[in-house]
Amino acid sequence: MNASGKSEGVIAVISPIDGTAVRLALDIELQRTAYRALKSRRGAVIAMKPSTGELLAFVSSPSFDSTLFEKGNPKIDEIFNNKEKPLLNRITEGVYPPGSIFKPIIAAGALEDNTVSDSTIFQDNGFVMAGTLRFGNWYFLQYGKTEGPVNMLKAIQRSNDTYFYQLGEKMGPEKMQTWAEKFGLGTLVDIGLEEAEGTLPSPFWKSEVLKENWYLGDTYNYSIGQGYLLTTPLQMAYALEPFANNGTQCKPQLLKSTPPECIKLPLQQKTLDLIKEGMKKACSPGGTGWPLFNFRIKNLEARRKKLEGVSEDKKASVEAALNRDPAYSIPIQTACKTGTAESHAKSGIPHAWINVFAPLDNPEISITVLVEEGGQG
């Protein structure tokens, strides 16, 4: 091609090469369901297959129509100026205090370091003091009630802040930081998208970055996932995955064809069993997550047997009767941890978190949800 744009001849011909087929791990129906569930509220939903790290749902909300970026659509300015920040991938770039879904990580570290045992008791009197500052348990602050002697199992089930304040004080901020790092916090998960590292505080970090001393109140905040601790939803999904996968942590994968990248965390089986049992109880009667999981699903095998031989014209009425009969449904066996994290928003409404995996005996899915200013998790 010369300067005038005319062809002068052919130097060589290079045959096209087929590109590599790319298959996403995403489940499109689950993706749609997660997106609809958020109802355009600011937040994120991550669903993973614990045994491989495959990402089954990966939703950041609010979203936007990518076709608007074609041919200079005038609505592009609306996207850039939208105060809800739809261009922000909240899964990987949004940073938030994790709140109480951080507690299983600290609990596991304390057991492994022999800071406490499964039988260690801390008294819940409603609050603890750091100088003149009072740090209360959520149950006391909301209902004026205390829970007396609390062991770790009950502390996870009830998300007892007073237990974790005392555990954090005994453990110390450096050990909490160390165990948070072991679970993958404070660093990039590295899935090929833009990510924020978050903040993993320590006395050294506070001295270097804020030029301030570390106080006991900082330790109390740290122990319940508050204060200076900041994480992305993806980091928390990754960090909590080992509890659904018998101590093995598999890197989140967007592509179906990517081989699993898994590591075994230094956790004893008895530690994993205790944390998992606590998370199971959190989703059971008396647990903080029970109101979210007090429902049943269809017992497909029992229904199949009942419908055998039923004529087509009667199937609808029989199925309707089965829907009303509790004998033909079963409770969902799950494990979960809820979280409520201070948002520092003008509304004063906290962020809501939850991590849940199911079925309990052999988890096939782990879901982490964040809703900005969603209220209680």
Protein backbone atom coordinates (compact mmCIF):
# COMPACT_ATOMS: atom_id res chain seq x y z
CA MET A 1 0.00 0.00 0.00
CA ASN A 2 1.52 3.32 -1.04
CA ALA A 3 1.05 6.80 0.46
CA SER A 4 -2.00 7.35 -1.72
CA GLY A 5 -3.69 4.24 -0.40
CA LYS A 6 -3.25 2.20 -3.58
CA SER A 7 -2.14 -1.42 -3.52
CA GLU A 8 1.33 -2.01 -4.99
CA GLY A 9 1.26 -5.80 -4.65
CA VAL A 10 1.25 -8.72 -2.20
CA ILE A 11 4.34 -9.47 -0.14
CA ALA A 12 3.04 -12.52 1.73
CA VAL A 13 -0.18 -14.28 2.67
CA ILE A 14 -0.68 -15.41 6.27
CA SER A 15 -3.49 -17.87 6.81
CA PRO A 16 -5.88 -17.14 9.69
CA ILE A 17 -5.52 -19.17 12.86
CA ASP A 18 -8.57 -20.23 14.83
CA GLY A 19 -8.71 -18.73 18.29
CA THR A 20 -8.93 -20.85 21.42
CA ALA A 21 -12.48 -21.66 22.47
CA VAL A 22 -13.44 -19.88 25.68
CA ARG A 23 -16.13 -21.31 27.91
CA LEU A 24 -17.19 -19.43 31.00
CA ALA A 25 -17.89 -21.29 34.23
CA LEU A 26 -20.90 -19.05 34.86
CA ASP A 27 -24.33 -20.64 35.17
CA ILE A 28 -26.52 -18.26 33.18
CA GLU A 29 -29.71 -19.04 35.11
CA LEU A 30 -27.96 -18.58 38.45
CA GLN A 31 -26.41 -15.36 37.12
CA ARG A 32 -29.83 -14.03 36.14
CA THR A 33 -31.37 -15.06 39.45
CA ALA A 34 -28.61 -13.34 41.44
CA TYR A 35 -28.95 -10.17 39.39
CA ARG A 36 -32.72 -10.08 39.84
CA ALA A 37 -32.37 -10.74 43.58
CA LEU A 38 -30.29 -7.58 44.06
CA LYS A 39 -33.04 -5.51 42.39
CA SER A 40 -30.49 -2.91 41.22
CA ARG A 41 -29.37 -2.25 44.79
CA ARG A 42 -25.68 -1.55 45.22
CA GLY A 43 -23.98 -4.82 45.99
CA ALA A 44 -22.37 -8.03 44.81
CA VAL A 45 -23.16 -11.73 44.57
CA ILE A 46 -20.51 -14.40 44.11
CA ALA A 47 -21.37 -18.09 43.78
CA MET A 48 -18.52 -20.60 43.63
CA LYS A 49 -18.03 -24.32 43.29
CA PRO A 50 -15.81 -24.97 46.34
CA SER A 51 -14.08 -28.05 44.94
CA THR A 52 -12.75 -26.24 41.85
CA GLY A 53 -13.12 -22.50 42.43
CA GLU A 54 -15.36 -22.16 39.36
CA LEU A 55 -17.40 -18.97 39.52
CA LEU A 56 -21.04 -19.89 38.93
CA ALA A 57 -22.41 -16.37 39.47
CA PHE A 58 -20.51 -13.10 39.39
CA VAL A 59 -22.83 -10.12 39.78
CA SER A 60 -22.00 -6.49 40.52
CA SER A 61 -24.97 -4.17 40.88
CA PRO A 62 -26.12 -1.78 39.59
CA SER A 63 -24.99 -2.75 36.12
CA PHE A 64 -25.20 -1.06 32.72
CA ASP A 65 -25.88 -1.85 29.07
CA SER A 66 -22.47 -2.27 27.40
CA THR A 67 -23.98 -1.68 23.95
CA LEU A 68 -24.39 1.99 24.87
CA PHE A 69 -20.65 2.38 24.29
CA GLU A 70 -21.13 1.66 20.60
CA LYS A 71 -21.13 4.61 18.15
CA GLY A 72 -20.96 7.34 20.78
CA ASN A 73 -24.38 6.88 22.35
CA PRO A 74 -25.31 10.09 24.25
CA LYS A 75 -26.46 8.03 27.23
CA ILE A 76 -22.82 7.21 28.01
CA ASP A 77 -22.55 10.42 30.04
CA GLU A 78 -25.41 9.22 32.22
CA ILE A 79 -23.43 6.10 33.09
CA PHE A 80 -20.27 8.05 33.96
CA ASN A 81 -22.19 10.57 36.06
CA ASN A 82 -24.45 8.07 37.81
CA LYS A 83 -23.95 8.46 41.58
CA GLU A 84 -24.65 4.73 42.00
CA LYS A 85 -21.36 4.03 40.15
CA PRO A 86 -22.48 1.23 37.80
CA LEU A 87 -19.00 1.12 36.23
CA LEU A 88 -17.47 0.07 39.56
CA ASN A 89 -17.03 -3.70 39.74
CA ARG A 90 -17.98 -4.05 43.38
CA ILE A 91 -16.89 -7.70 43.41
CA THR A 92 -13.22 -6.93 42.85
CA GLU A 93 -12.83 -3.17 43.34
CA GLY A 94 -15.29 -2.30 46.09
CA VAL A 95 -13.74 -2.39 49.58
CA TYR A 96 -15.81 -2.80 52.73
CA PRO A 97 -15.43 -3.88 56.36
CA PRO A 98 -16.44 -7.56 56.32
CA GLY A 99 -18.14 -7.43 59.69
CA SER A 100 -19.00 -10.72 61.34
CA ILE A 101 -18.31 -12.95 58.34
CA PHE A 102 -14.66 -12.35 59.33
CA LYS A 103 -15.20 -14.13 62.66
CA PRO A 104 -14.72 -17.74 61.41
CA ILE A 105 -11.24 -16.79 60.20
CA ILE A 106 -10.21 -15.40 63.59
CA ALA A 107 -11.82 -18.34 65.36
CA ALA A 108 -9.87 -20.84 63.25
CA GLY A 109 -6.60 -18.98 63.83
CA ALA A 110 -7.15 -18.85 67.59
CA LEU A 111 -7.78 -22.60 67.72
CA GLU A 112 -4.71 -23.40 65.63
CA ASP A 113 -2.47 -21.12 67.72
CA ASN A 114 -3.88 -22.60 70.95
CA THR A 115 -4.99 -19.14 72.03
CA VAL A 116 -8.23 -20.84 73.06
CA SER A 117 -9.78 -24.30 72.84
CA ASP A 118 -13.27 -25.37 71.86
CA SER A 119 -14.20 -25.38 75.55
CA THR A 120 -12.82 -21.93 76.44
CA ILE A 121 -15.57 -19.79 77.96
CA PHE A 122 -15.87 -16.01 77.83
CA GLN A 123 -18.58 -14.26 79.81
CA ASP A 124 -21.02 -12.09 77.91
CA ASN A 125 -22.07 -9.21 80.14
CA GLY A 126 -23.34 -7.20 77.19
CA PHE A 127 -20.20 -5.16 76.61
CA VAL A 128 -16.49 -4.75 77.31
CA MET A 129 -14.59 -1.58 78.15
CA ALA A 130 -11.50 -0.07 76.52
CA GLY A 131 -10.67 2.80 78.82
CA THR A 132 -13.80 4.93 78.88
CA LEU A 133 -15.15 3.46 75.64
CA ARG A 134 -17.81 0.76 75.74
CA PHE A 135 -17.95 -1.93 73.04
CA GLY A 136 -21.28 -3.72 73.08
CA ASN A 137 -22.62 -7.00 71.77
CA TRP A 138 -25.31 -6.59 69.12
CA TYR A 139 -27.83 -8.54 71.22
CA PHE A 140 -27.32 -6.22 74.17
CA LEU A 141 -27.39 -3.06 72.06
CA GLN A 142 -30.63 -4.05 70.30
CA TYR A 143 -32.50 -5.95 73.00
CA GLY A 144 -30.72 -5.17 76.27
CA LYS A 145 -30.03 -8.87 76.83
CA THR A 146 -26.89 -10.87 77.63
CA GLU A 147 -26.00 -14.49 76.86
CA GLY A 148 -23.90 -15.42 79.89
CA PRO A 149 -21.08 -17.96 79.43
CA VAL A 150 -20.27 -18.43 75.74
CA ASN A 151 -17.97 -20.98 74.08
CA MET A 152 -16.75 -20.78 70.49
CA LEU A 153 -19.55 -22.87 69.03
CA LYS A 154 -22.18 -20.61 70.54
CA ALA A 155 -20.16 -17.51 69.65
CA ILE A 156 -20.30 -18.42 65.95
CA GLN A 157 -23.94 -19.49 66.12
CA ARG A 158 -24.99 -16.27 67.84
CA SER A 159 -22.27 -14.04 66.33
CA ASN A 160 -21.46 -12.97 69.88
CA ASP A 161 -19.35 -9.82 69.72
CA THR A 162 -18.38 -9.92 73.39
CA TYR A 163 -16.78 -13.34 72.92
CA PHE A 164 -14.77 -12.13 69.95
CA TYR A 165 -13.69 -8.90 71.68
CA GLN A 166 -12.14 -11.00 74.44
CA LEU A 167 -10.76 -13.52 71.96
CA GLY A 168 -9.17 -10.73 69.92
CA GLU A 169 -7.60 -9.18 73.00
CA LYS A 170 -6.09 -12.52 73.98
CA MET A 171 -4.94 -13.23 70.42
CA GLY A 172 -3.54 -9.78 69.65
CA PRO A 173 -3.65 -7.81 66.38
CA GLU A 174 -0.48 -9.32 64.92
CA LYS A 175 -1.84 -12.87 65.11
CA MET A 176 -5.14 -11.74 63.66
CA GLN A 177 -3.29 -10.14 60.77
CA THR A 178 -1.20 -13.27 60.23
CA TRP A 179 -4.24 -15.52 60.01
CA ALA A 180 -6.12 -13.11 57.79
CA GLU A 181 -3.14 -13.24 55.42
CA LYS A 182 -3.12 -17.05 55.48
CA PHE A 183 -6.73 -17.02 54.31
CA GLY A 184 -5.84 -14.68 51.44
CA LEU A 185 -6.86 -11.26 52.73
CA GLY A 186 -4.78 -8.15 52.12
CA THR A 187 -3.58 -9.32 48.71
CA LEU A 188 -4.94 -9.64 45.18
CA VAL A 189 -6.89 -12.80 44.37
CA ASP A 190 -5.63 -12.30 40.80
CA ILE A 191 -8.39 -13.53 38.50
CA GLY A 192 -7.42 -11.32 35.57
CA LEU A 193 -9.61 -8.33 36.43
CA GLU A 194 -8.83 -5.02 38.10
CA GLU A 195 -8.76 -5.58 41.86
CA ALA A 196 -8.31 -3.68 45.09
CA GLU A 197 -6.06 -5.18 47.77
CA GLY A 198 -8.10 -3.84 50.65
CA THR A 199 -6.52 -3.03 54.00
CA LEU A 200 -5.14 -5.50 56.50
CA PRO A 201 -4.30 -3.35 59.53
CA SER A 202 -1.75 -3.88 62.27
CA PRO A 203 -0.01 -1.67 64.85
CA PHE A 204 2.88 -1.25 62.38
CA TRP A 205 0.49 -0.33 59.55
CA LYS A 206 -1.29 2.26 61.70
CA SER A 207 2.00 3.78 62.82
CA GLU A 208 3.38 3.97 59.27
CA VAL A 209 0.23 5.04 57.42
CA LEU A 210 -1.76 7.05 59.95
CA LYS A 211 1.11 8.04 62.26
CA GLU A 212 -1.00 6.96 65.23
CA ASN A 213 -0.72 4.46 68.05
CA TRP A 214 -2.70 1.24 68.15
CA TYR A 215 -5.27 1.02 70.94
CA LEU A 216 -7.23 -1.77 72.57
CA GLY A 217 -10.36 -0.46 70.87
CA ASP A 218 -8.66 -1.07 67.51
CA THR A 219 -8.14 -4.70 68.52
CA TYR A 220 -11.78 -5.05 69.53
CA ASN A 221 -12.92 -3.63 66.19
CA TYR A 222 -10.51 -5.88 64.30
CA SER A 223 -11.84 -9.01 66.01
CA ILE A 224 -15.36 -8.45 64.67
CA GLY A 225 -14.33 -7.40 61.15
CA GLN A 226 -14.67 -3.65 61.69
CA GLY A 227 -12.37 -0.68 62.10
CA TYR A 228 -9.58 -0.32 59.57
CA LEU A 229 -10.08 -3.77 58.03
CA LEU A 230 -11.28 -3.51 54.42
CA THR A 231 -11.88 -6.36 51.98
CA THR A 232 -13.46 -6.96 48.59
CA PRO A 233 -16.41 -9.36 48.24
CA LEU A 234 -14.19 -11.59 46.09
CA GLN A 235 -11.56 -11.76 48.84
CA MET A 236 -14.16 -12.79 51.41
CA ALA A 237 -15.64 -15.43 49.10
CA TYR A 238 -12.13 -16.84 48.61
CA ALA A 239 -11.17 -16.58 52.29
CA LEU A 240 -14.26 -18.45 53.52
CA GLU A 241 -14.13 -21.14 50.84
CA PRO A 242 -11.93 -23.55 52.92
CA PHE A 243 -14.75 -24.04 55.44
CA ALA A 244 -16.89 -25.41 52.60
CA ASN A 245 -14.06 -27.48 51.13
CA ASN A 246 -12.49 -29.31 54.07
CA GLY A 247 -9.60 -26.85 54.42
CA THR A 248 -8.74 -26.64 50.72
CA GLN A 249 -8.80 -23.23 49.07
CA CYS A 250 -9.28 -23.11 45.29
CA LYS A 251 -8.59 -19.92 43.39
CA PRO A 252 -11.74 -18.42 41.81
CA GLN A 253 -11.90 -19.21 38.09
CA LEU A 254 -14.05 -17.47 35.48
CA LEU A 255 -13.14 -19.96 32.74
CA LYS A 256 -14.41 -23.52 32.67
CA SER A 257 -11.25 -24.69 30.89
CA THR A 258 -8.84 -23.38 33.54
CA PRO A 259 -7.36 -26.18 35.68
CA PRO A 260 -8.14 -25.77 39.41
CA GLU A 261 -5.45 -24.02 41.46
CA CYS A 262 -5.91 -25.26 45.01
CA ILE A 263 -3.89 -25.13 48.22
CA LYS A 264 -4.41 -26.82 51.57
CA LEU A 265 -4.52 -24.39 54.48
CA PRO A 266 -2.77 -25.34 57.76
CA LEU A 267 -5.96 -26.24 59.59
CA GLN A 268 -6.61 -29.32 61.69
CA GLN A 269 -9.72 -31.36 60.98
CA LYS A 270 -11.11 -30.65 64.45
CA THR A 271 -10.81 -26.92 63.77
CA LEU A 272 -12.66 -27.23 60.47
CA ASP A 273 -15.35 -29.40 62.06
CA LEU A 274 -15.96 -26.91 64.87
CA ILE A 275 -16.20 -23.89 62.57
CA LYS A 276 -18.48 -25.76 60.19
CA GLU A 277 -20.71 -26.88 63.06
CA GLY A 278 -20.90 -23.30 64.32
CA MET A 279 -21.90 -22.09 60.85
CA LYS A 280 -24.47 -24.88 60.65
CA LYS A 281 -25.97 -23.73 63.95
CA ALA A 282 -25.98 -20.14 62.67
CA CYS A 283 -28.46 -21.32 60.01
CA SER A 284 -30.50 -23.37 62.49
CA PRO A 285 -33.13 -22.35 65.08
CA GLY A 286 -31.53 -19.86 67.48
CA GLY A 287 -28.82 -18.86 65.00
CA THR A 288 -28.44 -15.38 63.55
CA GLY A 289 -29.08 -16.67 60.02
CA TRP A 290 -32.11 -18.80 60.85
CA PRO A 291 -34.74 -16.24 59.73
CA LEU A 292 -33.22 -16.40 56.23
CA PHE A 293 -33.22 -20.21 56.02
CA ASN A 294 -36.47 -21.19 57.71
CA PHE A 295 -37.95 -22.83 54.63
CA ARG A 296 -38.11 -26.20 52.92
CA ILE A 297 -37.58 -27.53 49.39
CA LYS A 298 -39.42 -30.20 47.46
CA ASN A 299 -38.56 -33.83 48.25
CA LEU A 300 -38.30 -34.85 44.61
CA GLU A 301 -37.89 -38.58 45.23
CA ALA A 302 -40.94 -38.81 47.50
CA ARG A 303 -42.98 -36.76 45.04
CA ARG A 304 -41.90 -38.91 42.11
CA LYS A 305 -43.12 -42.06 43.87
CA LYS A 306 -46.41 -40.42 44.81
CA LEU A 307 -47.04 -39.29 41.22
CA GLU A 308 -46.35 -42.71 39.70
CA GLY A 309 -49.46 -43.94 37.95
CA VAL A 310 -51.34 -40.66 38.36
CA SER A 311 -53.12 -39.69 35.16
CA GLU A 312 -52.16 -36.45 33.43
CA ASP A 313 -55.53 -34.83 34.10
CA LYS A 314 -55.09 -35.35 37.86
CA LYS A 315 -51.37 -34.52 38.22
CA ALA A 316 -51.90 -30.80 38.78
CA SER A 317 -54.29 -31.31 41.69
CA VAL A 318 -52.10 -34.02 43.26
CA GLU A 319 -49.00 -31.79 42.99
CA ALA A 320 -50.90 -28.93 44.61
CA ALA A 321 -51.80 -31.22 47.51
CA LEU A 322 -48.17 -32.33 47.85
CA ASN A 323 -47.07 -28.70 48.04
CA ARG A 324 -49.22 -28.29 51.14
CA ASP A 325 -48.01 -31.50 52.78
CA PRO A 326 -44.75 -31.07 54.81
CA ALA A 327 -44.08 -34.79 54.42
CA TYR A 328 -43.17 -34.11 50.79
CA SER A 329 -40.63 -31.39 51.50
CA ILE A 330 -37.31 -31.35 53.31
CA PRO A 331 -35.35 -28.61 55.10
CA ILE A 332 -32.28 -27.24 53.35
CA GLN A 333 -29.10 -28.32 55.14
CA THR A 334 -26.81 -25.29 55.02
CA ALA A 335 -24.00 -23.57 56.89
CA CYS A 336 -23.76 -19.80 57.00
CA LYS A 337 -22.35 -16.70 58.62
CA THR A 338 -24.09 -13.36 58.56
CA GLY A 339 -22.39 -10.00 58.89
CA THR A 340 -23.36 -6.41 59.62
CA ALA A 341 -20.66 -3.84 58.88
CA GLU A 342 -20.55 -0.11 59.56
CA SER A 343 -20.86 1.79 56.30
CA HIS A 344 -20.09 5.36 57.45
CA ALA A 345 -22.79 6.40 54.97
CA LYS A 346 -24.94 9.48 55.54
CA SER A 347 -27.92 7.18 56.02
CA GLY A 348 -26.25 5.46 58.96
CA ILE A 349 -27.47 2.14 57.58
CA PRO A 350 -24.81 -0.62 57.76
CA HIS A 351 -23.76 -2.95 54.97
CA ALA A 352 -25.25 -6.46 54.99
CA TRP A 353 -23.15 -9.58 54.34
CA ILE A 354 -23.78 -13.30 54.24
CA ASN A 355 -21.73 -16.34 53.30
CA VAL A 356 -23.56 -19.66 52.90
CA PHE A 357 -22.67 -23.08 51.54
CA ALA A 358 -24.76 -26.17 50.79
CA PRO A 359 -25.52 -29.01 50.99
CA LEU A 360 -23.89 -29.31 54.37
CA ASP A 361 -22.45 -32.82 54.04
CA ASN A 362 -20.80 -32.25 50.65
CA PRO A 363 -21.00 -28.59 49.61
CA GLU A 364 -21.52 -28.00 45.90
CA ILE A 365 -21.94 -24.25 46.09
CA SER A 366 -20.71 -21.39 48.27
CA ILE A 367 -22.41 -18.01 47.98
CA THR A 368 -21.20 -14.65 49.29
CA VAL A 369 -23.49 -11.62 49.16
CA LEU A 370 -22.86 -7.98 50.01
CA VAL A 371 -25.58 -5.33 49.95
CA GLU A 372 -24.39 -1.77 50.52
CA GLU A 373 -26.46 -0.11 53.24
CA GLY A 374 -28.55 -3.27 53.30
CA GLY A 375 -29.16 -3.17 57.05
CA GLN A 376 -28.50 -6.26 59.12
CA GLY A 377 -26.81 -9.27 57.55
